[in-house]
Amino acid sequence: MRLIKHDVNLRRAIFWNIKQGLPRSLTTIKLEDTFVSVYSKDNPQLLFAMSGYFAED
C-alpha cells in the first residue's frame, strides 16, 4: 500500500477532530500513534488505527 499525500492530510484532519472532542483532563492522543488510510482510486483499501482501535476492510 502506498502512502498518498491526501491520505496523510485526512489522517491529520481526523486526528484533530477526535482530539478536540475529548476532554484533555481524561486522555492524551499523539499523532505518532495514529494511522489512517481511505478507499480511493489510488489506494483501494480502508484502514484505520488509533489508540488501540483498529478497523480494516
N, C-alpha and C. Protein backbone atom coordinates (compact mmCIF):
# COMPACT_ATOMS: atom_id res chain seq x y z
N MET A 1 0.85 -1.18 0.00
CA MET A 1 0.00 0.00 0.00
C MET A 1 0.89 1.24 0.00
N ARG A 2 0.56 2.18 -0.84
CA ARG A 2 1.31 3.43 -0.93
C ARG A 2 0.71 4.46 0.02
N LEU A 3 1.56 5.27 0.61
CA LEU A 3 1.11 6.38 1.44
C LEU A 3 0.99 7.61 0.54
N ILE A 4 -0.23 8.09 0.35
CA ILE A 4 -0.51 9.17 -0.58
C ILE A 4 -0.79 10.44 0.21
N LYS A 5 -0.41 11.59 -0.34
CA LYS A 5 -0.49 12.85 0.39
C LYS A 5 -1.89 13.14 0.92
N HIS A 6 -2.95 12.89 0.13
CA HIS A 6 -4.28 13.20 0.64
C HIS A 6 -4.69 12.25 1.76
N ASP A 7 -4.09 11.03 1.82
CA ASP A 7 -4.32 10.15 2.96
C ASP A 7 -3.70 10.72 4.23
N VAL A 8 -2.50 11.28 4.10
CA VAL A 8 -1.83 11.89 5.25
C VAL A 8 -2.63 13.09 5.74
N ASN A 9 -3.11 13.92 4.84
CA ASN A 9 -3.91 15.08 5.24
C ASN A 9 -5.21 14.66 5.90
N LEU A 10 -5.83 13.59 5.42
CA LEU A 10 -7.05 13.08 6.03
C LEU A 10 -6.76 12.57 7.44
N ARG A 11 -5.64 11.89 7.62
CA ARG A 11 -5.26 11.41 8.95
C ARG A 11 -5.15 12.57 9.92
N ARG A 12 -4.50 13.63 9.50
CA ARG A 12 -4.35 14.79 10.38
C ARG A 12 -5.70 15.42 10.71
N ALA A 13 -6.59 15.51 9.73
CA ALA A 13 -7.91 16.11 9.96
C ALA A 13 -8.74 15.26 10.92
N ILE A 14 -8.73 13.94 10.74
CA ILE A 14 -9.47 13.06 11.63
C ILE A 14 -8.88 13.12 13.03
N PHE A 15 -7.56 13.08 13.13
CA PHE A 15 -6.90 13.15 14.43
C PHE A 15 -7.28 14.44 15.15
N TRP A 16 -7.20 15.57 14.48
CA TRP A 16 -7.52 16.85 15.10
C TRP A 16 -8.98 16.88 15.55
N ASN A 17 -9.88 16.37 14.74
CA ASN A 17 -11.31 16.37 15.07
C ASN A 17 -11.59 15.52 16.31
N ILE A 18 -11.00 14.34 16.38
CA ILE A 18 -11.20 13.47 17.55
C ILE A 18 -10.54 14.08 18.78
N LYS A 19 -9.34 14.61 18.63
CA LYS A 19 -8.63 15.20 19.77
C LYS A 19 -9.40 16.37 20.36
N GLN A 20 -10.01 17.20 19.52
CA GLN A 20 -10.77 18.35 20.00
C GLN A 20 -12.05 17.92 20.72
N GLY A 21 -12.56 16.74 20.44
CA GLY A 21 -13.79 16.27 21.06
C GLY A 21 -13.59 15.57 22.39
N LEU A 22 -12.34 15.30 22.77
CA LEU A 22 -12.07 14.59 24.02
C LEU A 22 -11.56 15.56 25.08
N PRO A 23 -12.00 15.41 26.33
CA PRO A 23 -11.51 16.28 27.40
C PRO A 23 -10.02 16.05 27.65
N ARG A 24 -9.26 17.10 27.74
CA ARG A 24 -7.81 16.99 27.95
C ARG A 24 -7.48 16.38 29.30
N SER A 25 -8.37 16.55 30.27
CA SER A 25 -8.10 16.02 31.61
C SER A 25 -8.25 14.49 31.67
N LEU A 26 -8.89 13.88 30.67
CA LEU A 26 -9.12 12.44 30.69
C LEU A 26 -8.18 11.64 29.81
N THR A 27 -7.70 12.23 28.73
CA THR A 27 -6.91 11.43 27.79
C THR A 27 -5.90 12.28 27.02
N THR A 28 -4.90 11.62 26.50
CA THR A 28 -3.92 12.26 25.62
C THR A 28 -3.75 11.37 24.39
N ILE A 29 -3.88 11.96 23.22
CA ILE A 29 -3.68 11.23 21.97
C ILE A 29 -2.55 11.90 21.22
N LYS A 30 -1.62 11.10 20.73
CA LYS A 30 -0.48 11.63 19.98
C LYS A 30 -0.63 11.25 18.51
N LEU A 31 -0.25 12.16 17.64
CA LEU A 31 -0.35 11.93 16.20
C LEU A 31 0.51 10.75 15.76
N GLU A 32 1.63 10.51 16.43
CA GLU A 32 2.53 9.42 16.06
C GLU A 32 1.87 8.06 16.24
N ASP A 33 0.85 7.97 17.09
CA ASP A 33 0.19 6.70 17.38
C ASP A 33 -1.00 6.41 16.47
N THR A 34 -1.19 7.21 15.42
CA THR A 34 -2.37 7.04 14.57
C THR A 34 -1.98 6.65 13.15
N PHE A 35 -2.88 5.94 12.50
CA PHE A 35 -2.70 5.59 11.10
C PHE A 35 -4.07 5.56 10.45
N VAL A 36 -4.21 6.24 9.34
CA VAL A 36 -5.47 6.25 8.61
C VAL A 36 -5.17 6.12 7.12
N SER A 37 -5.94 5.31 6.45
CA SER A 37 -5.91 5.22 5.01
C SER A 37 -7.35 5.09 4.54
N VAL A 38 -7.64 5.56 3.37
CA VAL A 38 -9.02 5.55 2.90
C VAL A 38 -9.12 4.87 1.54
N TYR A 39 -10.32 4.45 1.19
CA TYR A 39 -10.58 3.87 -0.12
C TYR A 39 -10.61 4.99 -1.15
N SER A 40 -9.82 4.85 -2.17
CA SER A 40 -9.81 5.81 -3.27
C SER A 40 -9.33 5.09 -4.52
N LYS A 41 -9.35 5.77 -5.63
CA LYS A 41 -8.88 5.13 -6.87
C LYS A 41 -7.39 4.83 -6.81
N ASP A 42 -6.64 5.59 -5.99
CA ASP A 42 -5.20 5.36 -5.86
C ASP A 42 -4.86 4.33 -4.78
N ASN A 43 -5.78 4.13 -3.84
CA ASN A 43 -5.49 3.28 -2.70
C ASN A 43 -6.74 2.47 -2.35
N PRO A 44 -6.89 1.27 -2.89
CA PRO A 44 -8.14 0.52 -2.74
C PRO A 44 -8.27 -0.24 -1.43
N GLN A 45 -7.89 0.36 -0.31
CA GLN A 45 -8.05 -0.28 0.99
C GLN A 45 -8.60 0.73 1.99
N LEU A 46 -9.28 0.23 3.00
CA LEU A 46 -9.73 1.07 4.10
C LEU A 46 -9.06 0.56 5.36
N LEU A 47 -8.20 1.36 5.95
CA LEU A 47 -7.51 1.01 7.17
C LEU A 47 -7.59 2.17 8.14
N PHE A 48 -7.79 1.87 9.42
CA PHE A 48 -7.83 2.91 10.43
C PHE A 48 -7.35 2.31 11.74
N ALA A 49 -6.40 2.96 12.39
CA ALA A 49 -5.94 2.51 13.69
C ALA A 49 -5.64 3.74 14.54
N MET A 50 -6.18 3.77 15.74
CA MET A 50 -5.91 4.88 16.65
C MET A 50 -6.13 4.40 18.08
N SER A 51 -5.13 4.56 18.91
CA SER A 51 -5.22 4.27 20.34
C SER A 51 -5.78 2.87 20.62
N GLY A 52 -5.30 1.89 19.92
CA GLY A 52 -5.72 0.53 20.15
C GLY A 52 -6.96 0.09 19.38
N TYR A 53 -7.65 1.01 18.73
CA TYR A 53 -8.82 0.68 17.92
C TYR A 53 -8.36 0.49 16.48
N PHE A 54 -8.78 -0.59 15.86
CA PHE A 54 -8.32 -0.89 14.50
C PHE A 54 -9.49 -1.38 13.67
N ALA A 55 -9.62 -0.86 12.47
CA ALA A 55 -10.64 -1.33 11.53
C ALA A 55 -9.99 -1.56 10.18
N GLU A 56 -10.37 -2.64 9.52
CA GLU A 56 -9.81 -2.95 8.20
C GLU A 56 -10.91 -3.47 7.31
N ASP A 57 -10.89 -3.07 6.06
CA ASP A 57 -11.88 -3.55 5.10
C ASP A 57 -11.17 -4.21 3.95
